[in-house]
Amino acid sequence: MRIYIVVFIQLMIWSSFSLIEWLSKNDLYFYKLLMFLVFFYLAILIGNHIIRSTKLAFFVTVMSLMIYGSIHTVLSAINTNVFN
């Protein structure tokens, strides 16, 4: 049950990262990468605090990032196809 809670919280973290990245669209890629690393570290810390296992927290963080990335890609493709 803890893993599901961590995945849900991390999906909220990735959503907020996307929002902040969209708001800072004129920034350099270095700063976007730095911001991604901060959010990634924050997601691992929260996962580690709830799950209490560093390896499992890292694995869940990578999995939640892949889930969010695939959802984000599918929704942007749908958005592009519908409105063009």
Foldseek 3Di string as FASTA:
>chain_A
DLLVVLLVVLLVLVVVLVVVCVVPVVDDVVVNVVSVVVSLVVSQVVQCVRVVDNVVSNVSSVVSVVVSVVVVVVVVVVVVVVVD
